[in-house]
Amino acid sequence: FLVNNRDGLFAYGANDGRLRWTAPMVARSFAAADATTGVVAATGEEDRRRVGVFRNGEQIVDYRLESNGGNIAVSPDGRFVLAADGTTAHLLIPPSDQALWQIALPDSGYTIRSIAVSDAGLALIGAQHESRRNGMVLIADQGGRVVYREDLPLERSNAQIPAVQLGAGGESALLRSLEELILIDLR
């Protein structure tokens, strides 16, 4: 399990509680791949444009977003990292410090609220309009092509919807708002 405090990130074994590694990055948000990969990605607390990717505590990527980062996701196998500032998603393939692609939201007034990435590099992006009455979900393939878009009019307001998440094995996607659940087969 991971702990984040003013001294950085600390990884402990879930079975024995022993310290596995440390990384000197104080994180605003962080995400981890499967424990066997040792891959963790984080956005900085002090420098919110900074994205760090670590493998067993060693920094392998230091990437800069265009504006403050808010969301971070890692594929279960640790091959892909998806980072987002308010309006643009960036797909990284560690150990490269360059984004494979960047996708800006196609409509103005939206902010990215939720992201996920699969082992195949499919990126799920959930965004909410500033009016909090409309949501948008995009799915982009590994090449950065948007392969799915769903516009979600929202009857009730919530600052964190629509939420997106991947099913086990990355073969399905769940899109969630207060009004509905949409399950998509990604095969």
N, C-alpha and C. Protein backbone atom coordinates (compact mmCIF):
# COMPACT_ATOMS: atom_id res chain seq x y z
N PHE A 1 0.84 -1.17 0.00
CA PHE A 1 0.00 0.00 0.00
C PHE A 1 0.88 1.23 0.00
N LEU A 2 0.32 2.36 -0.41
CA LEU A 2 1.06 3.61 -0.53
C LEU A 2 0.63 4.61 0.54
N VAL A 3 1.60 5.34 1.05
CA VAL A 3 1.34 6.44 1.97
C VAL A 3 2.02 7.67 1.40
N ASN A 4 1.33 8.80 1.46
CA ASN A 4 1.86 10.07 0.99
C ASN A 4 1.83 11.04 2.17
N ASN A 5 2.98 11.67 2.45
CA ASN A 5 3.00 12.70 3.48
C ASN A 5 4.01 13.78 3.08
N ARG A 6 4.34 14.67 3.97
CA ARG A 6 5.21 15.81 3.63
C ARG A 6 6.63 15.39 3.27
N ASP A 7 6.98 14.13 3.53
CA ASP A 7 8.31 13.62 3.18
C ASP A 7 8.33 12.86 1.86
N GLY A 8 7.17 12.62 1.25
CA GLY A 8 7.12 11.93 -0.04
C GLY A 8 6.20 10.73 -0.03
N LEU A 9 6.44 9.83 -0.98
CA LEU A 9 5.66 8.61 -1.13
C LEU A 9 6.40 7.44 -0.48
N PHE A 10 5.64 6.57 0.19
CA PHE A 10 6.20 5.40 0.85
C PHE A 10 5.37 4.18 0.46
N ALA A 11 6.03 3.14 -0.04
CA ALA A 11 5.34 1.90 -0.43
C ALA A 11 5.65 0.82 0.60
N TYR A 12 4.58 0.18 1.09
CA TYR A 12 4.70 -0.87 2.09
C TYR A 12 4.09 -2.15 1.55
N GLY A 13 4.61 -3.27 1.99
CA GLY A 13 4.02 -4.57 1.64
C GLY A 13 2.70 -4.76 2.33
N ALA A 14 1.70 -5.18 1.59
CA ALA A 14 0.36 -5.35 2.16
C ALA A 14 0.30 -6.52 3.13
N ASN A 15 1.10 -7.53 2.92
CA ASN A 15 1.05 -8.71 3.79
C ASN A 15 1.86 -8.57 5.07
N ASP A 16 2.99 -7.86 4.98
CA ASP A 16 3.86 -7.79 6.15
C ASP A 16 4.07 -6.37 6.69
N GLY A 17 3.61 -5.34 5.96
CA GLY A 17 3.74 -3.96 6.42
C GLY A 17 5.15 -3.41 6.36
N ARG A 18 6.07 -4.13 5.72
CA ARG A 18 7.46 -3.66 5.64
C ARG A 18 7.61 -2.61 4.54
N LEU A 19 8.45 -1.62 4.82
CA LEU A 19 8.75 -0.58 3.85
C LEU A 19 9.46 -1.18 2.65
N ARG A 20 8.90 -0.95 1.43
CA ARG A 20 9.50 -1.47 0.19
C ARG A 20 10.39 -0.43 -0.47
N TRP A 21 9.88 0.80 -0.56
CA TRP A 21 10.65 1.87 -1.18
C TRP A 21 10.05 3.22 -0.82
N THR A 22 10.82 4.26 -1.07
CA THR A 22 10.36 5.64 -0.87
C THR A 22 10.68 6.44 -2.12
N ALA A 23 9.95 7.51 -2.32
CA ALA A 23 10.21 8.45 -3.41
C ALA A 23 10.02 9.86 -2.84
N PRO A 24 10.93 10.77 -3.14
CA PRO A 24 10.89 12.09 -2.51
C PRO A 24 9.94 13.08 -3.19
N MET A 25 8.76 12.63 -3.60
CA MET A 25 7.79 13.52 -4.23
C MET A 25 6.55 13.60 -3.36
N VAL A 26 6.21 14.79 -2.91
CA VAL A 26 4.96 15.00 -2.17
C VAL A 26 3.87 15.11 -3.22
N ALA A 27 2.90 14.20 -3.16
CA ALA A 27 1.91 14.08 -4.21
C ALA A 27 0.59 14.75 -3.86
N ARG A 28 0.00 15.38 -4.86
CA ARG A 28 -1.37 15.87 -4.74
C ARG A 28 -2.33 14.71 -4.97
N SER A 29 -2.03 13.92 -5.98
CA SER A 29 -2.79 12.70 -6.25
C SER A 29 -1.82 11.67 -6.79
N PHE A 30 -2.16 10.39 -6.62
CA PHE A 30 -1.30 9.32 -7.11
C PHE A 30 -2.14 8.12 -7.48
N ALA A 31 -1.54 7.26 -8.32
CA ALA A 31 -2.18 6.03 -8.77
C ALA A 31 -1.10 4.98 -8.93
N ALA A 32 -1.48 3.72 -8.74
CA ALA A 32 -0.50 2.64 -8.82
C ALA A 32 -0.99 1.56 -9.77
N ALA A 33 -0.03 0.92 -10.42
CA ALA A 33 -0.31 -0.25 -11.23
C ALA A 33 -0.37 -1.46 -10.30
N ASP A 34 -0.52 -2.63 -10.87
CA ASP A 34 -0.45 -3.87 -10.10
C ASP A 34 0.83 -3.87 -9.28
N ALA A 35 0.77 -4.35 -8.06
CA ALA A 35 1.92 -4.28 -7.15
C ALA A 35 3.16 -4.96 -7.71
N THR A 36 3.01 -5.96 -8.55
CA THR A 36 4.17 -6.67 -9.08
C THR A 36 5.01 -5.79 -10.01
N THR A 37 4.43 -4.72 -10.55
CA THR A 37 5.16 -3.85 -11.47
C THR A 37 5.99 -2.81 -10.72
N GLY A 38 5.56 -2.43 -9.52
CA GLY A 38 6.24 -1.38 -8.76
C GLY A 38 6.06 0.01 -9.34
N VAL A 39 5.11 0.18 -10.27
CA VAL A 39 4.93 1.47 -10.95
C VAL A 39 3.87 2.32 -10.23
N VAL A 40 4.26 3.55 -9.92
CA VAL A 40 3.37 4.53 -9.30
C VAL A 40 3.55 5.84 -10.05
N ALA A 41 2.44 6.54 -10.31
CA ALA A 41 2.49 7.86 -10.93
C ALA A 41 1.84 8.85 -9.97
N ALA A 42 2.35 10.09 -9.99
CA ALA A 42 1.83 11.10 -9.06
C ALA A 42 1.90 12.48 -9.69
N THR A 43 0.95 13.33 -9.29
CA THR A 43 1.04 14.74 -9.62
C THR A 43 1.55 15.45 -8.37
N GLY A 44 2.36 16.49 -8.56
CA GLY A 44 3.00 17.17 -7.45
C GLY A 44 2.04 18.03 -6.64
N GLU A 45 2.30 18.12 -5.35
CA GLU A 45 1.54 19.01 -4.47
C GLU A 45 2.08 20.43 -4.56
N GLU A 46 3.38 20.57 -4.52
CA GLU A 46 3.99 21.90 -4.56
C GLU A 46 4.06 22.44 -5.99
N ASP A 47 4.41 21.60 -6.93
CA ASP A 47 4.43 21.96 -8.35
C ASP A 47 3.36 21.13 -9.03
N ARG A 48 2.18 21.68 -9.18
CA ARG A 48 1.03 20.92 -9.65
C ARG A 48 1.06 20.61 -11.15
N ARG A 49 2.03 21.16 -11.86
CA ARG A 49 2.19 20.83 -13.27
C ARG A 49 3.07 19.58 -13.45
N ARG A 50 3.71 19.17 -12.39
CA ARG A 50 4.66 18.07 -12.45
C ARG A 50 3.96 16.71 -12.34
N VAL A 51 4.37 15.79 -13.22
CA VAL A 51 3.94 14.39 -13.15
C VAL A 51 5.21 13.56 -13.01
N GLY A 52 5.28 12.77 -11.95
CA GLY A 52 6.40 11.87 -11.75
C GLY A 52 5.93 10.44 -11.84
N VAL A 53 6.72 9.61 -12.52
CA VAL A 53 6.43 8.18 -12.57
C VAL A 53 7.63 7.47 -11.95
N PHE A 54 7.32 6.53 -11.05
CA PHE A 54 8.36 5.83 -10.29
C PHE A 54 8.20 4.33 -10.48
N ARG A 55 9.33 3.64 -10.54
CA ARG A 55 9.33 2.17 -10.53
C ARG A 55 10.18 1.75 -9.34
N ASN A 56 9.53 1.13 -8.37
CA ASN A 56 10.20 0.71 -7.13
C ASN A 56 10.98 1.85 -6.49
N GLY A 57 10.39 3.05 -6.53
CA GLY A 57 10.97 4.22 -5.88
C GLY A 57 11.92 5.03 -6.74
N GLU A 58 12.35 4.49 -7.86
CA GLU A 58 13.26 5.21 -8.75
C GLU A 58 12.43 5.99 -9.78
N GLN A 59 12.69 7.28 -9.90
CA GLN A 59 11.94 8.09 -10.85
C GLN A 59 12.37 7.74 -12.27
N ILE A 60 11.38 7.38 -13.11
CA ILE A 60 11.67 7.03 -14.50
C ILE A 60 11.08 8.03 -15.48
N VAL A 61 10.16 8.89 -15.02
CA VAL A 61 9.57 9.93 -15.87
C VAL A 61 9.40 11.20 -15.04
N ASP A 62 9.72 12.33 -15.65
CA ASP A 62 9.45 13.64 -15.07
C ASP A 62 8.82 14.47 -16.19
N TYR A 63 7.50 14.60 -16.16
CA TYR A 63 6.75 15.22 -17.25
C TYR A 63 6.08 16.48 -16.73
N ARG A 64 5.95 17.48 -17.59
CA ARG A 64 5.31 18.74 -17.22
C ARG A 64 4.00 18.91 -18.00
N LEU A 65 2.92 19.13 -17.26
CA LEU A 65 1.64 19.45 -17.87
C LEU A 65 1.62 20.93 -18.23
N GLU A 66 0.69 21.31 -19.12
CA GLU A 66 0.57 22.70 -19.53
C GLU A 66 0.00 23.57 -18.42
N SER A 67 -0.87 22.98 -17.60
CA SER A 67 -1.42 23.70 -16.45
C SER A 67 -1.51 22.72 -15.29
N ASN A 68 -2.06 23.14 -14.17
CA ASN A 68 -2.09 22.30 -12.97
C ASN A 68 -2.77 20.97 -13.23
N GLY A 69 -2.12 19.90 -12.78
CA GLY A 69 -2.67 18.56 -12.92
C GLY A 69 -3.71 18.27 -11.87
N GLY A 70 -4.64 17.43 -12.22
CA GLY A 70 -5.67 17.09 -11.26
C GLY A 70 -5.97 15.61 -11.21
N ASN A 71 -5.69 14.90 -12.29
CA ASN A 71 -6.02 13.48 -12.35
C ASN A 71 -4.83 12.69 -12.86
N ILE A 72 -4.70 11.47 -12.36
CA ILE A 72 -3.62 10.59 -12.78
C ILE A 72 -4.15 9.16 -12.76
N ALA A 73 -3.76 8.36 -13.74
CA ALA A 73 -4.17 6.95 -13.80
C ALA A 73 -3.01 6.15 -14.39
N VAL A 74 -2.91 4.89 -13.96
CA VAL A 74 -1.89 3.98 -14.45
C VAL A 74 -2.59 2.71 -14.89
N SER A 75 -2.18 2.16 -16.04
CA SER A 75 -2.75 0.88 -16.46
C SER A 75 -2.32 -0.20 -15.46
N PRO A 76 -3.12 -1.25 -15.30
CA PRO A 76 -2.78 -2.30 -14.33
C PRO A 76 -1.39 -2.90 -14.54
N ASP A 77 -0.94 -3.00 -15.81
CA ASP A 77 0.38 -3.58 -16.08
C ASP A 77 1.51 -2.55 -16.01
N GLY A 78 1.18 -1.27 -15.74
CA GLY A 78 2.18 -0.22 -15.59
C GLY A 78 2.76 0.32 -16.88
N ARG A 79 2.28 -0.15 -18.03
CA ARG A 79 2.83 0.31 -19.31
C ARG A 79 2.40 1.71 -19.70
N PHE A 80 1.21 2.13 -19.28
CA PHE A 80 0.66 3.42 -19.67
C PHE A 80 0.33 4.26 -18.45
N VAL A 81 0.57 5.58 -18.58
CA VAL A 81 0.17 6.54 -17.56
C VAL A 81 -0.66 7.60 -18.26
N LEU A 82 -1.82 7.90 -17.72
CA LEU A 82 -2.69 8.95 -18.25
C LEU A 82 -2.75 10.05 -17.21
N ALA A 83 -2.35 11.25 -17.61
CA ALA A 83 -2.37 12.41 -16.73
C ALA A 83 -3.26 13.47 -17.36
N ALA A 84 -3.95 14.25 -16.54
CA ALA A 84 -4.83 15.28 -17.08
C ALA A 84 -4.73 16.55 -16.28
N ASP A 85 -4.67 17.66 -17.02
CA ASP A 85 -4.88 18.96 -16.38
C ASP A 85 -6.37 19.24 -16.57
N GLY A 86 -6.80 20.43 -16.46
CA GLY A 86 -8.23 20.71 -16.52
C GLY A 86 -8.91 20.33 -17.82
N THR A 87 -8.23 20.52 -18.95
CA THR A 87 -8.91 20.34 -20.24
C THR A 87 -8.17 19.45 -21.23
N THR A 88 -7.00 18.91 -20.85
CA THR A 88 -6.22 18.11 -21.78
C THR A 88 -5.74 16.84 -21.08
N ALA A 89 -5.86 15.70 -21.78
CA ALA A 89 -5.34 14.43 -21.29
C ALA A 89 -4.04 14.12 -22.03
N HIS A 90 -3.08 13.52 -21.34
CA HIS A 90 -1.76 13.22 -21.88
C HIS A 90 -1.47 11.74 -21.62
N LEU A 91 -1.20 10.97 -22.69
CA LEU A 91 -0.85 9.57 -22.52
C LEU A 91 0.66 9.42 -22.58
N LEU A 92 1.22 8.82 -21.53
CA LEU A 92 2.66 8.60 -21.43
C LEU A 92 2.94 7.10 -21.45
N ILE A 93 4.09 6.75 -22.02
CA ILE A 93 4.57 5.38 -21.97
C ILE A 93 5.94 5.42 -21.31
N PRO A 94 5.99 5.15 -20.00
CA PRO A 94 7.28 5.17 -19.31
C PRO A 94 8.24 4.16 -19.95
N PRO A 95 9.52 4.47 -20.03
CA PRO A 95 10.22 5.56 -19.36
C PRO A 95 10.36 6.83 -20.18
N SER A 96 9.62 6.99 -21.27
CA SER A 96 9.74 8.21 -22.08
C SER A 96 9.18 9.42 -21.33
N ASP A 97 9.89 10.54 -21.42
CA ASP A 97 9.43 11.80 -20.83
C ASP A 97 8.54 12.59 -21.79
N GLN A 98 8.24 12.02 -22.95
CA GLN A 98 7.39 12.68 -23.95
C GLN A 98 6.03 12.01 -23.99
N ALA A 99 4.97 12.81 -24.15
CA ALA A 99 3.63 12.25 -24.28
C ALA A 99 3.49 11.58 -25.64
N LEU A 100 2.86 10.41 -25.66
CA LEU A 100 2.55 9.74 -26.92
C LEU A 100 1.52 10.57 -27.67
N TRP A 101 0.53 11.10 -26.92
CA TRP A 101 -0.45 12.02 -27.49
C TRP A 101 -1.04 12.90 -26.40
N GLN A 102 -1.66 13.99 -26.85
CA GLN A 102 -2.42 14.88 -25.99
C GLN A 102 -3.77 15.10 -26.65
N ILE A 103 -4.82 15.01 -25.88
CA ILE A 103 -6.17 15.25 -26.41
C ILE A 103 -6.81 16.35 -25.58
N ALA A 104 -7.15 17.45 -26.25
CA ALA A 104 -7.90 18.52 -25.60
C ALA A 104 -9.39 18.22 -25.71
N LEU A 105 -10.14 18.58 -24.69
CA LEU A 105 -11.59 18.38 -24.76
C LEU A 105 -12.14 19.14 -25.96
N PRO A 106 -13.06 18.52 -26.71
CA PRO A 106 -13.53 19.14 -27.95
C PRO A 106 -14.48 20.32 -27.76
N ASP A 107 -15.07 20.46 -26.58
CA ASP A 107 -16.01 21.55 -26.32
C ASP A 107 -15.51 22.40 -25.16
N SER A 108 -15.74 23.70 -25.24
CA SER A 108 -15.30 24.60 -24.17
C SER A 108 -16.24 24.51 -22.98
N GLY A 109 -15.76 24.94 -21.83
CA GLY A 109 -16.57 24.96 -20.62
C GLY A 109 -16.54 23.65 -19.85
N TYR A 110 -15.82 22.64 -20.34
CA TYR A 110 -15.73 21.35 -19.66
C TYR A 110 -14.41 21.22 -18.91
N THR A 111 -14.44 20.46 -17.81
CA THR A 111 -13.25 20.17 -17.02
C THR A 111 -13.17 18.66 -16.83
N ILE A 112 -11.98 18.11 -17.00
CA ILE A 112 -11.78 16.67 -16.79
C ILE A 112 -11.90 16.38 -15.30
N ARG A 113 -12.75 15.40 -14.96
CA ARG A 113 -12.99 15.04 -13.57
C ARG A 113 -12.56 13.62 -13.22
N SER A 114 -12.47 12.74 -14.24
CA SER A 114 -12.19 11.34 -13.97
C SER A 114 -11.49 10.74 -15.18
N ILE A 115 -10.47 9.89 -14.93
CA ILE A 115 -9.75 9.24 -16.02
C ILE A 115 -9.41 7.80 -15.64
N ALA A 116 -9.17 6.98 -16.65
CA ALA A 116 -8.70 5.61 -16.46
C ALA A 116 -7.97 5.21 -17.74
N VAL A 117 -7.06 4.23 -17.62
CA VAL A 117 -6.33 3.74 -18.80
C VAL A 117 -6.16 2.23 -18.67
N SER A 118 -6.34 1.53 -19.79
CA SER A 118 -6.26 0.07 -19.81
C SER A 118 -4.87 -0.41 -20.21
N ASP A 119 -4.65 -1.71 -20.06
CA ASP A 119 -3.39 -2.31 -20.50
C ASP A 119 -3.18 -2.18 -22.00
N ALA A 120 -4.26 -2.00 -22.76
CA ALA A 120 -4.17 -1.82 -24.21
C ALA A 120 -3.97 -0.35 -24.60
N GLY A 121 -3.91 0.54 -23.62
CA GLY A 121 -3.72 1.96 -23.90
C GLY A 121 -4.99 2.70 -24.23
N LEU A 122 -6.16 2.09 -23.97
CA LEU A 122 -7.44 2.82 -24.13
C LEU A 122 -7.58 3.80 -22.98
N ALA A 123 -7.85 5.04 -23.32
CA ALA A 123 -7.98 6.10 -22.31
C ALA A 123 -9.43 6.49 -22.16
N LEU A 124 -9.93 6.47 -20.93
CA LEU A 124 -11.29 6.92 -20.62
C LEU A 124 -11.19 8.27 -19.95
N ILE A 125 -12.00 9.22 -20.43
CA ILE A 125 -11.96 10.59 -19.92
C ILE A 125 -13.38 11.03 -19.61
N GLY A 126 -13.64 11.37 -18.36
CA GLY A 126 -14.95 11.90 -17.96
C GLY A 126 -14.81 13.38 -17.66
N ALA A 127 -15.65 14.20 -18.25
CA ALA A 127 -15.58 15.65 -18.06
C ALA A 127 -16.95 16.20 -17.71
N GLN A 128 -16.95 17.32 -16.99
CA GLN A 128 -18.20 17.95 -16.59
C GLN A 128 -18.19 19.40 -17.04
N HIS A 129 -19.35 19.86 -17.50
CA HIS A 129 -19.49 21.26 -17.93
C HIS A 129 -19.56 22.16 -16.71
N GLU A 130 -19.10 23.40 -16.88
CA GLU A 130 -19.10 24.36 -15.76
C GLU A 130 -20.50 24.61 -15.21
N SER A 131 -21.53 24.41 -16.02
CA SER A 131 -22.91 24.57 -15.54
C SER A 131 -23.32 23.44 -14.62
N ARG A 132 -22.53 22.35 -14.61
CA ARG A 132 -22.81 21.13 -13.88
C ARG A 132 -24.10 20.47 -14.32
N ARG A 133 -24.53 20.77 -15.51
CA ARG A 133 -25.75 20.17 -16.07
C ARG A 133 -25.46 19.25 -17.25
N ASN A 134 -24.18 19.17 -17.65
CA ASN A 134 -23.81 18.32 -18.77
C ASN A 134 -22.50 17.63 -18.49
N GLY A 135 -22.42 16.37 -18.88
CA GLY A 135 -21.19 15.61 -18.78
C GLY A 135 -20.81 15.09 -20.16
N MET A 136 -19.56 14.71 -20.29
CA MET A 136 -19.07 14.16 -21.55
C MET A 136 -18.08 13.05 -21.21
N VAL A 137 -18.15 11.94 -21.94
CA VAL A 137 -17.18 10.87 -21.79
C VAL A 137 -16.55 10.61 -23.14
N LEU A 138 -15.22 10.54 -23.16
CA LEU A 138 -14.47 10.21 -24.36
C LEU A 138 -13.66 8.95 -24.10
N ILE A 139 -13.54 8.12 -25.12
CA ILE A 139 -12.61 7.00 -25.09
C ILE A 139 -11.70 7.16 -26.28
N ALA A 140 -10.39 7.17 -26.01
CA ALA A 140 -9.39 7.33 -27.06
C ALA A 140 -8.53 6.08 -27.12
N ASP A 141 -8.13 5.69 -28.32
CA ASP A 141 -7.27 4.52 -28.45
C ASP A 141 -5.81 4.91 -28.23
N GLN A 142 -4.94 3.94 -28.30
CA GLN A 142 -3.52 4.15 -28.03
C GLN A 142 -2.91 5.17 -29.00
N GLY A 143 -3.49 5.30 -30.18
CA GLY A 143 -3.00 6.27 -31.16
C GLY A 143 -3.54 7.68 -30.96
N GLY A 144 -4.42 7.88 -29.97
CA GLY A 144 -4.96 9.20 -29.70
C GLY A 144 -6.22 9.52 -30.48
N ARG A 145 -6.80 8.54 -31.15
CA ARG A 145 -8.04 8.74 -31.91
C ARG A 145 -9.23 8.52 -30.98
N VAL A 146 -10.14 9.49 -30.94
CA VAL A 146 -11.35 9.34 -30.12
C VAL A 146 -12.27 8.35 -30.83
N VAL A 147 -12.52 7.22 -30.16
CA VAL A 147 -13.31 6.14 -30.74
C VAL A 147 -14.73 6.08 -30.17
N TYR A 148 -14.98 6.88 -29.12
CA TYR A 148 -16.31 6.88 -28.50
C TYR A 148 -16.51 8.22 -27.82
N ARG A 149 -17.72 8.73 -27.95
CA ARG A 149 -18.12 9.94 -27.23
C ARG A 149 -19.56 9.78 -26.78
N GLU A 150 -19.79 10.10 -25.53
CA GLU A 150 -21.14 10.06 -24.97
C GLU A 150 -21.38 11.38 -24.26
N ASP A 151 -22.42 12.11 -24.66
CA ASP A 151 -22.81 13.33 -23.98
C ASP A 151 -23.89 12.96 -22.98
N LEU A 152 -23.72 13.42 -21.75
CA LEU A 152 -24.61 13.03 -20.67
C LEU A 152 -25.26 14.26 -20.05
N PRO A 153 -26.51 14.56 -20.43
CA PRO A 153 -27.20 15.64 -19.72
C PRO A 153 -27.47 15.18 -18.29
N LEU A 154 -27.18 16.05 -17.35
CA LEU A 154 -27.31 15.69 -15.94
C LEU A 154 -28.46 16.46 -15.31
N GLU A 155 -29.36 15.74 -14.69
CA GLU A 155 -30.49 16.36 -14.00
C GLU A 155 -30.08 16.92 -12.65
N ARG A 156 -29.18 16.19 -11.97
CA ARG A 156 -28.71 16.60 -10.65
C ARG A 156 -27.22 16.92 -10.73
N SER A 157 -26.79 17.87 -9.95
CA SER A 157 -25.40 18.31 -9.99
C SER A 157 -24.53 17.51 -9.03
N ASN A 158 -23.31 17.24 -9.46
CA ASN A 158 -22.29 16.65 -8.59
C ASN A 158 -20.95 16.97 -9.22
N ALA A 159 -19.99 17.45 -8.43
CA ALA A 159 -18.73 17.94 -8.95
C ALA A 159 -17.82 16.85 -9.49
N GLN A 160 -18.11 15.60 -9.26
CA GLN A 160 -17.20 14.54 -9.69
C GLN A 160 -17.81 13.59 -10.72
N ILE A 161 -18.77 14.03 -11.49
CA ILE A 161 -19.33 13.14 -12.49
C ILE A 161 -19.26 13.79 -13.85
N PRO A 162 -19.20 13.03 -14.91
CA PRO A 162 -19.31 11.57 -14.92
C PRO A 162 -18.00 10.91 -14.50
N ALA A 163 -18.12 9.80 -13.79
CA ALA A 163 -16.95 9.02 -13.39
C ALA A 163 -16.76 7.89 -14.39
N VAL A 164 -15.52 7.55 -14.65
CA VAL A 164 -15.20 6.46 -15.57
C VAL A 164 -14.31 5.45 -14.85
N GLN A 165 -14.51 4.17 -15.15
CA GLN A 165 -13.63 3.16 -14.61
C GLN A 165 -13.62 1.95 -15.53
N LEU A 166 -12.55 1.19 -15.46
CA LEU A 166 -12.38 0.00 -16.28
C LEU A 166 -12.78 -1.24 -15.49
N GLY A 167 -13.34 -2.21 -16.20
CA GLY A 167 -13.63 -3.49 -15.58
C GLY A 167 -12.36 -4.32 -15.50
N ALA A 168 -12.42 -5.42 -14.75
CA ALA A 168 -11.27 -6.32 -14.64
C ALA A 168 -10.84 -6.78 -16.02
N GLY A 169 -9.57 -6.72 -16.28
CA GLY A 169 -9.04 -7.14 -17.58
C GLY A 169 -9.16 -6.08 -18.65
N GLY A 170 -9.78 -4.92 -18.35
CA GLY A 170 -9.89 -3.84 -19.31
C GLY A 170 -10.81 -4.12 -20.48
N GLU A 171 -11.70 -5.11 -20.34
CA GLU A 171 -12.59 -5.46 -21.44
C GLU A 171 -13.91 -4.72 -21.41
N SER A 172 -14.14 -3.95 -20.34
CA SER A 172 -15.38 -3.18 -20.25
C SER A 172 -15.08 -1.85 -19.58
N ALA A 173 -15.97 -0.90 -19.83
CA ALA A 173 -15.86 0.42 -19.22
C ALA A 173 -17.20 0.74 -18.56
N LEU A 174 -17.13 1.36 -17.40
CA LEU A 174 -18.33 1.80 -16.69
C LEU A 174 -18.32 3.31 -16.65
N LEU A 175 -19.41 3.91 -17.14
CA LEU A 175 -19.60 5.35 -17.09
C LEU A 175 -20.71 5.59 -16.07
N ARG A 176 -20.45 6.48 -15.12
CA ARG A 176 -21.39 6.63 -14.01
C ARG A 176 -21.72 8.09 -13.77
N SER A 177 -23.00 8.36 -13.66
CA SER A 177 -23.47 9.66 -13.18
C SER A 177 -24.53 9.37 -12.12
N LEU A 178 -25.12 10.41 -11.55
CA LEU A 178 -26.17 10.17 -10.56
C LEU A 178 -27.43 9.58 -11.19
N GLU A 179 -27.60 9.81 -12.51
CA GLU A 179 -28.81 9.36 -13.17
C GLU A 179 -28.72 7.99 -13.82
N GLU A 180 -27.50 7.57 -14.22
CA GLU A 180 -27.42 6.32 -14.96
C GLU A 180 -26.04 5.69 -14.87
N LEU A 181 -26.03 4.40 -15.17
CA LEU A 181 -24.81 3.63 -15.33
C LEU A 181 -24.81 3.12 -16.76
N ILE A 182 -23.69 3.27 -17.44
CA ILE A 182 -23.56 2.75 -18.81
C ILE A 182 -22.38 1.80 -18.82
N LEU A 183 -22.59 0.58 -19.22
CA LEU A 183 -21.54 -0.41 -19.31
C LEU A 183 -21.23 -0.63 -20.79
N ILE A 184 -19.96 -0.49 -21.16
CA ILE A 184 -19.55 -0.60 -22.56
C ILE A 184 -18.58 -1.76 -22.70
N ASP A 185 -18.83 -2.63 -23.69
CA ASP A 185 -17.93 -3.72 -24.02
C ASP A 185 -16.82 -3.15 -24.89
N LEU A 186 -15.57 -3.24 -24.46
CA LEU A 186 -14.45 -2.66 -25.20
C LEU A 186 -13.75 -3.65 -26.12
N ARG A 187 -14.23 -4.88 -26.19
CA ARG A 187 -13.59 -5.86 -27.05
C ARG A 187 -13.90 -5.63 -28.50
